[in-house]
Amino acid sequence: KQEEIQKYEQLDQLPPYLFTKDTIKFKQPINVLNVTLL
């Protein structure tokens, strides 16, 4: 079970098709949970 959990936890990356080169232009500050993220 621990091995299965580790195997699935390694697949926790967002799929690359969510991000395209033409949408990346500059870092935009946003406020999430009172924390500013770029």
Full PDB file with SEQRES, HELIX, SHEET, SSBOND, CRYST1, ORIGX, SCALE, CONECT and MASTER records, all heavy atoms in Angstrom:
SEQRES   1 A   38  LYS GLN GLU GLU ILE GLN LYS TYR GLU GLN LEU ASP GLN          
SEQRES   2 A   38  LEU PRO PRO TYR LEU PHE THR LYS ASP THR ILE LYS PHE          
SEQRES   3 A   38  LYS GLN PRO ILE ASN VAL LEU ASN VAL THR LEU LEU              
HELIX    1 AA1 GLN A    2  GLU A    9  1                                   8    
HELIX    2 AA2 PRO A   16  LEU A   18  5                                   3    
HELIX    3 AA3 LYS A   21  THR A   23  5                                   3    
SHEET    1 AA1 2 ILE A  30  VAL A  32  0                                        
SHEET    2 AA1 2 VAL A  35  LEU A  37 -1                                        
CRYST1    1.000    1.000    1.000  90.00  90.00  90.00 P 1           1          
ORIGX1      1.000000  0.000000  0.000000        0.00000                         
ORIGX2      0.000000  1.000000  0.000000        0.00000                         
ORIGX3      0.000000  0.000000  1.000000        0.00000                         
SCALE1      1.000000  0.000000  0.000000        0.00000                         
SCALE2      0.000000  1.000000  0.000000        0.00000                         
SCALE3      0.000000  0.000000  1.000000        0.00000                         
ATOM      1  N   LYS A   1       0.834  -1.208   0.000  1.00  0.00           N  
ATOM      2  CA  LYS A   1       0.000   0.000   0.000  1.00  0.00           C  
ATOM      3  C   LYS A   1       0.864   1.252   0.000  1.00  0.00           C  
ATOM      4  O   LYS A   1       0.567   2.219  -0.699  1.00  0.00           O  
ATOM      5  CB  LYS A   1      -0.931   0.006   1.208  1.00  0.00           C  
ATOM      6  CG  LYS A   1      -2.097  -0.935   1.070  1.00  0.00           C  
ATOM      7  CD  LYS A   1      -3.024  -0.849   2.258  1.00  0.00           C  
ATOM      8  CE  LYS A   1      -4.181  -1.823   2.120  1.00  0.00           C  
ATOM      9  NZ  LYS A   1      -5.077  -1.761   3.262  1.00  0.00           N  
ATOM     10  N   GLN A   2       1.936   1.254   0.794  1.00  0.00           N  
ATOM     11  CA  GLN A   2       2.833   2.410   0.832  1.00  0.00           C  
ATOM     12  C   GLN A   2       3.482   2.643  -0.535  1.00  0.00           C  
ATOM     13  O   GLN A   2       3.639   3.780  -0.970  1.00  0.00           O  
ATOM     14  CB  GLN A   2       3.908   2.222   1.907  1.00  0.00           C  
ATOM     15  CG  GLN A   2       3.380   2.296   3.317  1.00  0.00           C  
ATOM     16  CD  GLN A   2       2.687   3.607   3.612  1.00  0.00           C  
ATOM     17  OE1 GLN A   2       3.158   4.669   3.246  1.00  0.00           O  
ATOM     18  NE2 GLN A   2       1.541   3.531   4.261  1.00  0.00           N  
ATOM     19  N   GLU A   3       3.827   1.565  -1.210  1.00  0.00           N  
ATOM     20  CA  GLU A   3       4.420   1.671  -2.535  1.00  0.00           C  
ATOM     21  C   GLU A   3       3.423   2.268  -3.524  1.00  0.00           C  
ATOM     22  O   GLU A   3       3.773   3.126  -4.337  1.00  0.00           O  
ATOM     23  CB  GLU A   3       4.860   0.282  -2.991  1.00  0.00           C  
ATOM     24  CG  GLU A   3       5.625   0.264  -4.297  1.00  0.00           C  
ATOM     25  CD  GLU A   3       6.063  -1.148  -4.666  1.00  0.00           C  
ATOM     26  OE1 GLU A   3       6.760  -1.782  -3.855  1.00  0.00           O  
ATOM     27  OE2 GLU A   3       5.686  -1.603  -5.755  1.00  0.00           O  
ATOM     28  N   GLU A   4       2.161   1.825  -3.447  1.00  0.00           N  
ATOM     29  CA  GLU A   4       1.123   2.373  -4.328  1.00  0.00           C  
ATOM     30  C   GLU A   4       0.906   3.861  -4.055  1.00  0.00           C  
ATOM     31  O   GLU A   4       0.770   4.653  -4.982  1.00  0.00           O  
ATOM     32  CB  GLU A   4      -0.200   1.611  -4.137  1.00  0.00           C  
ATOM     33  CG  GLU A   4      -0.198   0.226  -4.735  1.00  0.00           C  
ATOM     34  CD  GLU A   4      -0.136   0.250  -6.248  1.00  0.00           C  
ATOM     35  OE1 GLU A   4      -0.884   1.012  -6.876  1.00  0.00           O  
ATOM     36  OE2 GLU A   4       0.691  -0.499  -6.799  1.00  0.00           O  
ATOM     37  N   ILE A   5       0.874   4.230  -2.786  1.00  0.00           N  
ATOM     38  CA  ILE A   5       0.685   5.640  -2.427  1.00  0.00           C  
ATOM     39  C   ILE A   5       1.824   6.470  -2.997  1.00  0.00           C  
ATOM     40  O   ILE A   5       1.600   7.516  -3.602  1.00  0.00           O  
ATOM     41  CB  ILE A   5       0.584   5.797  -0.893  1.00  0.00           C  
ATOM     42  CG1 ILE A   5      -0.744   5.232  -0.390  1.00  0.00           C  
ATOM     43  CG2 ILE A   5       0.725   7.262  -0.486  1.00  0.00           C  
ATOM     44  CD1 ILE A   5      -0.837   5.129   1.120  1.00  0.00           C  
ATOM     45  N   GLN A   6       3.057   6.016  -2.825  1.00  0.00           N  
ATOM     46  CA  GLN A   6       4.204   6.748  -3.354  1.00  0.00           C  
ATOM     47  C   GLN A   6       4.140   6.854  -4.874  1.00  0.00           C  
ATOM     48  O   GLN A   6       4.475   7.891  -5.442  1.00  0.00           O  
ATOM     49  CB  GLN A   6       5.512   6.066  -2.927  1.00  0.00           C  
ATOM     50  CG  GLN A   6       5.834   6.219  -1.464  1.00  0.00           C  
ATOM     51  CD  GLN A   6       6.018   7.664  -1.054  1.00  0.00           C  
ATOM     52  OE1 GLN A   6       6.562   8.465  -1.794  1.00  0.00           O  
ATOM     53  NE2 GLN A   6       5.542   8.003   0.130  1.00  0.00           N  
ATOM     54  N   LYS A   7       3.702   5.782  -5.523  1.00  0.00           N  
ATOM     55  CA  LYS A   7       3.618   5.795  -6.985  1.00  0.00           C  
ATOM     56  C   LYS A   7       2.637   6.865  -7.447  1.00  0.00           C  
ATOM     57  O   LYS A   7       2.917   7.621  -8.366  1.00  0.00           O  
ATOM     58  CB  LYS A   7       3.189   4.413  -7.491  1.00  0.00           C  
ATOM     59  CG  LYS A   7       3.157   4.312  -9.008  1.00  0.00           C  
ATOM     60  CD  LYS A   7       2.911   2.886  -9.463  1.00  0.00           C  
ATOM     61  CE  LYS A   7       1.453   2.567  -9.391  1.00  0.00           C  
ATOM     62  NZ  LYS A   7       1.085   1.270  -9.942  1.00  0.00           N  
ATOM     63  N   TYR A   8       1.476   6.959  -6.789  1.00  0.00           N  
ATOM     64  CA  TYR A   8       0.476   7.934  -7.195  1.00  0.00           C  
ATOM     65  C   TYR A   8       0.846   9.342  -6.768  1.00  0.00           C  
ATOM     66  O   TYR A   8       0.494  10.300  -7.442  1.00  0.00           O  
ATOM     67  CB  TYR A   8      -0.907   7.548  -6.669  1.00  0.00           C  
ATOM     68  CG  TYR A   8      -1.474   6.365  -7.403  1.00  0.00           C  
ATOM     69  CD1 TYR A   8      -1.676   5.158  -6.767  1.00  0.00           C  
ATOM     70  CD2 TYR A   8      -1.777   6.445  -8.755  1.00  0.00           C  
ATOM     71  CE1 TYR A   8      -2.170   4.060  -7.444  1.00  0.00           C  
ATOM     72  CE2 TYR A   8      -2.273   5.352  -9.440  1.00  0.00           C  
ATOM     73  CZ  TYR A   8      -2.469   4.172  -8.779  1.00  0.00           C  
ATOM     74  OH  TYR A   8      -2.957   3.094  -9.463  1.00  0.00           O  
ATOM     75  N   GLU A   9       1.565   9.492  -5.662  1.00  0.00           N  
ATOM     76  CA  GLU A   9       1.966  10.819  -5.212  1.00  0.00           C  
ATOM     77  C   GLU A   9       2.970  11.433  -6.185  1.00  0.00           C  
ATOM     78  O   GLU A   9       3.078  12.627  -6.289  1.00  0.00           O  
ATOM     79  CB  GLU A   9       2.569  10.747  -3.809  1.00  0.00           C  
ATOM     80  CG  GLU A   9       1.573  10.331  -2.757  1.00  0.00           C  
ATOM     81  CD  GLU A   9       1.022  11.476  -1.962  1.00  0.00           C  
ATOM     82  OE1 GLU A   9       1.703  12.490  -1.848  1.00  0.00           O  
ATOM     83  OE2 GLU A   9      -0.090  11.347  -1.453  1.00  0.00           O  
ATOM     84  N   GLN A  10       3.726  10.608  -6.914  1.00  0.00           N  
ATOM     85  CA  GLN A  10       4.689  11.129  -7.870  1.00  0.00           C  
ATOM     86  C   GLN A  10       3.996  11.671  -9.114  1.00  0.00           C  
ATOM     87  O   GLN A  10       4.601  12.396  -9.891  1.00  0.00           O  
ATOM     88  CB  GLN A  10       5.686  10.037  -8.264  1.00  0.00           C  
ATOM     89  CG  GLN A  10       6.612   9.663  -7.139  1.00  0.00           C  
ATOM     90  CD  GLN A  10       7.473   8.452  -7.469  1.00  0.00           C  
ATOM     91  OE1 GLN A  10       7.358   7.887  -8.537  1.00  0.00           O  
ATOM     92  NE2 GLN A  10       8.312   8.072  -6.541  1.00  0.00           N  
ATOM     93  N   LEU A  11       2.741  11.346  -9.291  1.00  0.00           N  
ATOM     94  CA  LEU A  11       1.998  11.822 -10.460  1.00  0.00           C  
ATOM     95  C   LEU A  11       1.244  13.112 -10.167  1.00  0.00           C  
ATOM     96  O   LEU A  11       0.298  13.457 -10.850  1.00  0.00           O  
ATOM     97  CB  LEU A  11       1.004  10.731 -10.910  1.00  0.00           C  
ATOM     98  CG  LEU A  11       1.613   9.391 -11.291  1.00  0.00           C  
ATOM     99  CD1 LEU A  11       0.517   8.382 -11.581  1.00  0.00           C  
ATOM    100  CD2 LEU A  11       2.525   9.531 -12.493  1.00  0.00           C  
ATOM    101  N   ASP A  12       1.695  13.836  -9.133  1.00  0.00           N  
ATOM    102  CA  ASP A  12       0.953  15.000  -8.661  1.00  0.00           C  
ATOM    103  C   ASP A  12       1.277  16.302  -9.385  1.00  0.00           C  
ATOM    104  O   ASP A  12       1.021  17.366  -8.864  1.00  0.00           O  
ATOM    105  CB  ASP A  12       1.202  15.212  -7.162  1.00  0.00           C  
ATOM    106  CG  ASP A  12       0.489  14.180  -6.330  1.00  0.00           C  
ATOM    107  OD1 ASP A  12      -0.408  13.516  -6.867  1.00  0.00           O  
ATOM    108  OD2 ASP A  12       0.810  14.058  -5.147  1.00  0.00           O  
ATOM    109  N   GLN A  13       1.828  16.233 -10.549  1.00  0.00           N  
ATOM    110  CA  GLN A  13       2.176  17.445 -11.272  1.00  0.00           C  
ATOM    111  C   GLN A  13       1.017  17.844 -12.183  1.00  0.00           C  
ATOM    112  O   GLN A  13       0.333  17.009 -12.732  1.00  0.00           O  
ATOM    113  CB  GLN A  13       3.434  17.217 -12.109  1.00  0.00           C  
ATOM    114  CG  GLN A  13       4.619  16.743 -11.301  1.00  0.00           C  
ATOM    115  CD  GLN A  13       4.999  17.697 -10.193  1.00  0.00           C  
ATOM    116  OE1 GLN A  13       4.948  18.905 -10.380  1.00  0.00           O  
ATOM    117  NE2 GLN A  13       5.353  17.172  -9.040  1.00  0.00           N  
ATOM    118  N   LEU A  14       0.813  19.138 -12.297  1.00  0.00           N  
ATOM    119  CA  LEU A  14      -0.206  19.604 -13.232  1.00  0.00           C  
ATOM    120  C   LEU A  14       0.224  19.244 -14.646  1.00  0.00           C  
ATOM    121  O   LEU A  14       1.403  19.344 -14.983  1.00  0.00           O  
ATOM    122  CB  LEU A  14      -0.373  21.122 -13.120  1.00  0.00           C  
ATOM    123  CG  LEU A  14      -1.179  21.618 -11.938  1.00  0.00           C  
ATOM    124  CD1 LEU A  14      -1.120  23.142 -11.879  1.00  0.00           C  
ATOM    125  CD2 LEU A  14      -2.620  21.171 -12.012  1.00  0.00           C  
ATOM    126  N   PRO A  15      -0.708  18.833 -15.483  1.00  0.00           N  
ATOM    127  CA  PRO A  15      -0.357  18.464 -16.853  1.00  0.00           C  
ATOM    128  C   PRO A  15       0.224  19.662 -17.615  1.00  0.00           C  
ATOM    129  O   PRO A  15      -0.239  20.788 -17.458  1.00  0.00           O  
ATOM    130  CB  PRO A  15      -1.682  18.036 -17.471  1.00  0.00           C  
ATOM    131  CG  PRO A  15      -2.638  17.901 -16.359  1.00  0.00           C  
ATOM    132  CD  PRO A  15      -2.103  18.634 -15.188  1.00  0.00           C  
ATOM    133  N   PRO A  16       1.235  19.436 -18.449  1.00  0.00           N  
ATOM    134  CA  PRO A  16       1.892  20.548 -19.147  1.00  0.00           C  
ATOM    135  C   PRO A  16       0.988  21.271 -20.138  1.00  0.00           C  
ATOM    136  O   PRO A  16       1.244  22.426 -20.460  1.00  0.00           O  
ATOM    137  CB  PRO A  16       3.066  19.883 -19.865  1.00  0.00           C  
ATOM    138  CG  PRO A  16       2.763  18.434 -19.886  1.00  0.00           C  
ATOM    139  CD  PRO A  16       1.849  18.157 -18.739  1.00  0.00           C  
ATOM    140  N   TYR A  17      -0.077  20.635 -20.623  1.00  0.00           N  
ATOM    141  CA  TYR A  17      -0.934  21.305 -21.600  1.00  0.00           C  
ATOM    142  C   TYR A  17      -1.737  22.451 -20.979  1.00  0.00           C  
ATOM    143  O   TYR A  17      -2.358  23.228 -21.685  1.00  0.00           O  
ATOM    144  CB  TYR A  17      -1.884  20.314 -22.294  1.00  0.00           C  
ATOM    145  CG  TYR A  17      -2.835  19.602 -21.374  1.00  0.00           C  
ATOM    146  CD1 TYR A  17      -4.008  20.200 -20.945  1.00  0.00           C  
ATOM    147  CD2 TYR A  17      -2.559  18.319 -20.927  1.00  0.00           C  
ATOM    148  CE1 TYR A  17      -4.873  19.545 -20.091  1.00  0.00           C  
ATOM    149  CE2 TYR A  17      -3.416  17.657 -20.082  1.00  0.00           C  
ATOM    150  CZ  TYR A  17      -4.568  18.278 -19.669  1.00  0.00           C  
ATOM    151  OH  TYR A  17      -5.421  17.621 -18.822  1.00  0.00           O  
ATOM    152  N   LEU A  18      -1.699  22.575 -19.643  1.00  0.00           N  
ATOM    153  CA  LEU A  18      -2.390  23.702 -19.012  1.00  0.00           C  
ATOM    154  C   LEU A  18      -1.629  25.007 -19.232  1.00  0.00           C  
ATOM    155  O   LEU A  18      -2.178  26.080 -19.074  1.00  0.00           O  
ATOM    156  CB  LEU A  18      -2.557  23.453 -17.514  1.00  0.00           C  
ATOM    157  CG  LEU A  18      -3.499  22.323 -17.108  1.00  0.00           C  
ATOM    158  CD1 LEU A  18      -3.555  22.213 -15.595  1.00  0.00           C  
ATOM    159  CD2 LEU A  18      -4.894  22.539 -17.655  1.00  0.00           C  
ATOM    160  N   PHE A  19      -0.365  24.896 -19.573  1.00  0.00           N  
ATOM    161  CA  PHE A  19       0.456  26.083 -19.734  1.00  0.00           C  
ATOM    162  C   PHE A  19       1.038  26.101 -21.140  1.00  0.00           C  
ATOM    163  O   PHE A  19       1.678  25.160 -21.570  1.00  0.00           O  
ATOM    164  CB  PHE A  19       1.599  26.080 -18.711  1.00  0.00           C  
ATOM    165  CG  PHE A  19       1.114  25.927 -17.309  1.00  0.00           C  
ATOM    166  CD1 PHE A  19       1.119  24.687 -16.687  1.00  0.00           C  
ATOM    167  CD2 PHE A  19       0.617  27.006 -16.616  1.00  0.00           C  
ATOM    168  CE1 PHE A  19       0.656  24.544 -15.404  1.00  0.00           C  
ATOM    169  CE2 PHE A  19       0.157  26.872 -15.329  1.00  0.00           C  
ATOM    170  CZ  PHE A  19       0.172  25.642 -14.711  1.00  0.00           C  
ATOM    171  N   THR A  20       0.808  27.184 -21.848  1.00  0.00           N  
ATOM    172  CA  THR A  20       1.340  27.313 -23.203  1.00  0.00           C  
ATOM    173  C   THR A  20       2.335  28.469 -23.228  1.00  0.00           C  
ATOM    174  O   THR A  20       2.246  29.406 -22.425  1.00  0.00           O  
ATOM    175  CB  THR A  20       0.217  27.571 -24.216  1.00  0.00           C  
ATOM    176  OG1 THR A  20      -0.464  28.767 -23.837  1.00  0.00           O  
ATOM    177  CG2 THR A  20      -0.769  26.419 -24.254  1.00  0.00           C  
ATOM    178  N   LYS A  21       3.273  28.428 -24.167  1.00  0.00           N  
ATOM    179  CA  LYS A  21       4.315  29.459 -24.230  1.00  0.00           C  
ATOM    180  C   LYS A  21       3.744  30.843 -24.486  1.00  0.00           C  
ATOM    181  O   LYS A  21       4.230  31.836 -23.962  1.00  0.00           O  
ATOM    182  CB  LYS A  21       5.327  29.097 -25.317  1.00  0.00           C  
ATOM    183  CG  LYS A  21       6.169  27.909 -24.964  1.00  0.00           C  
ATOM    184  CD  LYS A  21       7.155  27.601 -26.066  1.00  0.00           C  
ATOM    185  CE  LYS A  21       7.947  26.352 -25.727  1.00  0.00           C  
ATOM    186  NZ  LYS A  21       8.850  25.953 -26.790  1.00  0.00           N  
ATOM    187  N   ASP A  22       2.704  30.930 -25.302  1.00  0.00           N  
ATOM    188  CA  ASP A  22       2.174  32.241 -25.639  1.00  0.00           C  
ATOM    189  C   ASP A  22       1.378  32.878 -24.496  1.00  0.00           C  
ATOM    190  O   ASP A  22       1.084  34.062 -24.537  1.00  0.00           O  
ATOM    191  CB  ASP A  22       1.322  32.176 -26.909  1.00  0.00           C  
ATOM    192  CG  ASP A  22       0.287  31.069 -26.870  1.00  0.00           C  
ATOM    193  OD1 ASP A  22       0.607  29.982 -26.397  1.00  0.00           O  
ATOM    194  OD2 ASP A  22      -0.843  31.321 -27.330  1.00  0.00           O  
ATOM    195  N   THR A  23       1.023  32.131 -23.467  1.00  0.00           N  
ATOM    196  CA  THR A  23       0.320  32.746 -22.337  1.00  0.00           C  
ATOM    197  C   THR A  23       1.302  33.256 -21.287  1.00  0.00           C  
ATOM    198  O   THR A  23       0.923  34.013 -20.410  1.00  0.00           O  
ATOM    199  CB  THR A  23      -0.642  31.749 -21.670  1.00  0.00           C  
ATOM    200  OG1 THR A  23       0.092  30.618 -21.217  1.00  0.00           O  
ATOM    201  CG2 THR A  23      -1.747  31.330 -22.605  1.00  0.00           C  
ATOM    202  N   ILE A  24       2.573  32.838 -21.363  1.00  0.00           N  
ATOM    203  CA  ILE A  24       3.565  33.286 -20.391  1.00  0.00           C  
ATOM    204  C   ILE A  24       4.229  34.547 -20.914  1.00  0.00           C  
ATOM    205  O   ILE A  24       4.980  34.513 -21.883  1.00  0.00           O  
ATOM    206  CB  ILE A  24       4.619  32.182 -20.124  1.00  0.00           C  
ATOM    207  CG1 ILE A  24       3.935  30.938 -19.571  1.00  0.00           C  
ATOM    208  CG2 ILE A  24       5.694  32.685 -19.181  1.00  0.00           C  
ATOM    209  CD1 ILE A  24       4.849  29.748 -19.391  1.00  0.00           C  
ATOM    210  N   LYS A  25       3.955  35.662 -20.281  1.00  0.00           N  
ATOM    211  CA  LYS A  25       4.517  36.930 -20.727  1.00  0.00           C  
ATOM    212  C   LYS A  25       5.274  37.613 -19.591  1.00  0.00           C  
ATOM    213  O   LYS A  25       6.408  37.997 -19.742  1.00  0.00           O  
ATOM    214  CB  LYS A  25       3.417  37.834 -21.268  1.00  0.00           C  
ATOM    215  CG  LYS A  25       2.750  37.251 -22.502  1.00  0.00           C  
ATOM    216  CD  LYS A  25       1.672  38.125 -23.033  1.00  0.00           C  
ATOM    217  CE  LYS A  25       1.047  37.423 -24.241  1.00  0.00           C  
ATOM    218  NZ  LYS A  25      -0.151  38.049 -24.698  1.00  0.00           N  
ATOM    219  N   PHE A  26       4.649  37.774 -18.455  1.00  0.00           N  
ATOM    220  CA  PHE A  26       5.281  38.404 -17.309  1.00  0.00           C  
ATOM    221  C   PHE A  26       4.617  37.883 -16.047  1.00  0.00           C  
ATOM    222  O   PHE A  26       3.542  37.307 -16.102  1.00  0.00           O  
ATOM    223  CB  PHE A  26       5.177  39.928 -17.388  1.00  0.00           C  
ATOM    224  CG  PHE A  26       3.758  40.420 -17.418  1.00  0.00           C  
ATOM    225  CD1 PHE A  26       3.091  40.749 -16.256  1.00  0.00           C  
ATOM    226  CD2 PHE A  26       3.082  40.538 -18.628  1.00  0.00           C  
ATOM    227  CE1 PHE A  26       1.776  41.190 -16.286  1.00  0.00           C  
ATOM    228  CE2 PHE A  26       1.761  40.977 -18.664  1.00  0.00           C  
ATOM    229  CZ  PHE A  26       1.113  41.300 -17.489  1.00  0.00           C  
ATOM    230  N   LYS A  27       5.260  38.109 -14.941  1.00  0.00           N  
ATOM    231  CA  LYS A  27       4.699  37.642 -13.670  1.00  0.00           C  
ATOM    232  C   LYS A  27       3.695  38.661 -13.158  1.00  0.00           C  
ATOM    233  O   LYS A  27       4.008  39.838 -13.007  1.00  0.00           O  
ATOM    234  CB  LYS A  27       5.805  37.414 -12.649  1.00  0.00           C  
ATOM    235  CG  LYS A  27       6.697  36.260 -13.016  1.00  0.00           C  
ATOM    236  CD  LYS A  27       7.711  35.973 -11.950  1.00  0.00           C  
ATOM    237  CE  LYS A  27       8.544  34.778 -12.365  1.00  0.00           C  
ATOM    238  NZ  LYS A  27       9.519  34.418 -11.366  1.00  0.00           N  
ATOM    239  N   GLN A  28       2.496  38.179 -12.910  1.00  0.00           N  
ATOM    240  CA  GLN A  28       1.416  39.035 -12.464  1.00  0.00           C  
ATOM    241  C   GLN A  28       1.156  38.771 -10.988  1.00  0.00           C  
ATOM    242  O   GLN A  28       0.946  37.630 -10.579  1.00  0.00           O  
ATOM    243  CB  GLN A  28       0.159  38.738 -13.284  1.00  0.00           C  
ATOM    244  CG  GLN A  28      -1.006  39.608 -12.928  1.00  0.00           C  
ATOM    245  CD  GLN A  28      -2.162  39.396 -13.892  1.00  0.00           C  
ATOM    246  OE1 GLN A  28      -1.998  38.774 -14.928  1.00  0.00           O  
ATOM    247  NE2 GLN A  28      -3.309  39.911 -13.551  1.00  0.00           N  
ATOM    248  N   PRO A  29       1.167  39.804 -10.152  1.00  0.00           N  
ATOM    249  CA  PRO A  29       0.897  39.590  -8.731  1.00  0.00           C  
ATOM    250  C   PRO A  29      -0.595  39.334  -8.484  1.00  0.00           C  
ATOM    251  O   PRO A  29      -1.456  40.024  -9.028  1.00  0.00           O  
ATOM    252  CB  PRO A  29       1.345  40.902  -8.078  1.00  0.00           C  
ATOM    253  CG  PRO A  29       1.256  41.915  -9.164  1.00  0.00           C  
ATOM    254  CD  PRO A  29       1.478  41.185 -10.461  1.00  0.00           C  
ATOM    255  N   ILE A  30      -0.883  38.315  -7.697  1.00  0.00           N  
ATOM    256  CA  ILE A  30      -2.263  38.036  -7.297  1.00  0.00           C  
ATOM    257  C   ILE A  30      -2.276  37.793  -5.793  1.00  0.00           C  
ATOM    258  O   ILE A  30      -1.273  37.413  -5.201  1.00  0.00           O  
ATOM    259  CB  ILE A  30      -2.866  36.818  -8.036  1.00  0.00           C  
ATOM    260  CG1 ILE A  30      -2.072  35.548  -7.748  1.00  0.00           C  
ATOM    261  CG2 ILE A  30      -2.954  37.065  -9.512  1.00  0.00           C  
ATOM    262  CD1 ILE A  30      -2.768  34.286  -8.187  1.00  0.00           C  
ATOM    263  N   ASN A  31      -3.417  38.005  -5.191  1.00  0.00           N  
ATOM    264  CA  ASN A  31      -3.560  37.829  -3.756  1.00  0.00           C  
ATOM    265  C   ASN A  31      -4.391  36.574  -3.499  1.00  0.00           C  
ATOM    266  O   ASN A  31      -5.558  36.512  -3.859  1.00  0.00           O  
ATOM    267  CB  ASN A  31      -4.222  39.056  -3.125  1.00  0.00           C  
ATOM    268  CG  ASN A  31      -4.123  39.040  -1.619  1.00  0.00           C  
ATOM    269  OD1 ASN A  31      -3.346  38.284  -1.050  1.00  0.00           O  
ATOM    270  ND2 ASN A  31      -4.908  39.876  -0.978  1.00  0.00           N  
ATOM    271  N   VAL A  32      -3.763  35.566  -2.877  1.00  0.00           N  
ATOM    272  CA  VAL A  32      -4.439  34.323  -2.554  1.00  0.00           C  
ATOM    273  C   VAL A  32      -4.239  34.072  -1.071  1.00  0.00           C  
ATOM    274  O   VAL A  32      -3.106  33.968  -0.601  1.00  0.00           O  
ATOM    275  CB  VAL A  32      -3.873  33.139  -3.382  1.00  0.00           C  
ATOM    276  CG1 VAL A  32      -4.507  31.832  -2.969  1.00  0.00           C  
ATOM    277  CG2 VAL A  32      -4.060  33.386  -4.862  1.00  0.00           C  
ATOM    278  N   LEU A  33      -5.325  34.001  -0.321  1.00  0.00           N  
ATOM    279  CA  LEU A  33      -5.278  33.764   1.124  1.00  0.00           C  
ATOM    280  C   LEU A  33      -4.371  34.778   1.823  1.00  0.00           C  
ATOM    281  O   LEU A  33      -3.539  34.435   2.658  1.00  0.00           O  
ATOM    282  CB  LEU A  33      -4.801  32.340   1.432  1.00  0.00           C  
ATOM    283  CG  LEU A  33      -5.670  31.209   0.909  1.00  0.00           C  
ATOM    284  CD1 LEU A  33      -4.995  29.875   1.139  1.00  0.00           C  
ATOM    285  CD2 LEU A  33      -7.028  31.227   1.578  1.00  0.00           C  
ATOM    286  N   ASN A  34      -4.521  36.043   1.452  1.00  0.00           N  
ATOM    287  CA  ASN A  34      -3.746  37.146   2.027  1.00  0.00           C  
ATOM    288  C   ASN A  34      -2.243  37.006   1.788  1.00  0.00           C  
ATOM    289  O   ASN A  34      -1.437  37.528   2.541  1.00  0.00           O  
ATOM    290  CB  ASN A  34      -4.025  37.303   3.526  1.00  0.00           C  
ATOM    291  CG  ASN A  34      -5.475  37.633   3.797  1.00  0.00           C  
ATOM    292  OD1 ASN A  34      -6.095  38.350   3.017  1.00  0.00           O  
ATOM    293  ND2 ASN A  34      -6.014  37.119   4.874  1.00  0.00           N  
ATOM    294  N   VAL A  35      -1.856  36.262   0.763  1.00  0.00           N  
ATOM    295  CA  VAL A  35      -0.454  36.119   0.371  1.00  0.00           C  
ATOM    296  C   VAL A  35      -0.350  36.547  -1.087  1.00  0.00           C  
ATOM    297  O   VAL A  35      -1.137  36.117  -1.927  1.00  0.00           O  
ATOM    298  CB  VAL A  35       0.014  34.647   0.525  1.00  0.00           C  
ATOM    299  CG1 VAL A  35       1.436  34.483   0.027  1.00  0.00           C  
ATOM    300  CG2 VAL A  35      -0.118  34.191   1.953  1.00  0.00           C  
ATOM    301  N   THR A  36       0.620  37.394  -1.391  1.00  0.00           N  
ATOM    302  CA  THR A  36       0.808  37.840  -2.762  1.00  0.00           C  
ATOM    303  C   THR A  36       1.731  36.860  -3.478  1.00  0.00           C  
ATOM    304  O   THR A  36       2.843  36.600  -3.021  1.00  0.00           O  
ATOM    305  CB  THR A  36       1.413  39.258  -2.800  1.00  0.00           C  
ATOM    306  OG1 THR A  36       0.537  40.144  -2.096  1.00  0.00           O  
ATOM    307  CG2 THR A  36       1.573  39.743  -4.225  1.00  0.00           C  
ATOM    308  N   LEU A  37       1.228  36.312  -4.578  1.00  0.00           N  
ATOM    309  CA  LEU A  37       2.004  35.379  -5.394  1.00  0.00           C  
ATOM    310  C   LEU A  37       2.252  36.008  -6.753  1.00  0.00           C  
ATOM    311  O   LEU A  37       1.426  36.759  -7.265  1.00  0.00           O  
ATOM    312  CB  LEU A  37       1.234  34.065  -5.578  1.00  0.00           C  
ATOM    313  CG  LEU A  37       0.829  33.297  -4.326  1.00  0.00           C  
ATOM    314  CD1 LEU A  37      -0.043  32.114  -4.692  1.00  0.00           C  
ATOM    315  CD2 LEU A  37       2.063  32.829  -3.585  1.00  0.00           C  
ATOM    316  N   LEU A  38       3.402  35.694  -7.338  1.00  0.00           N  
ATOM    317  CA  LEU A  38       3.704  36.138  -8.693  1.00  0.00           C  
ATOM    318  C   LEU A  38       3.477  34.968  -9.629  1.00  0.00           C  
ATOM    319  O   LEU A  38       4.147  33.946  -9.536  1.00  0.00           O  
ATOM    320  CB  LEU A  38       5.151  36.630  -8.777  1.00  0.00           C  
ATOM    321  CG  LEU A  38       5.474  37.854  -7.930  1.00  0.00           C  
ATOM    322  CD1 LEU A  38       6.957  38.167  -8.005  1.00  0.00           C  
ATOM    323  CD2 LEU A  38       4.653  39.054  -8.367  1.00  0.00           C  
TER     324      LEU A  38                                                      
MASTER        0    0    0    3    2    0    0    6  323    1    0    3          
END                                                                             
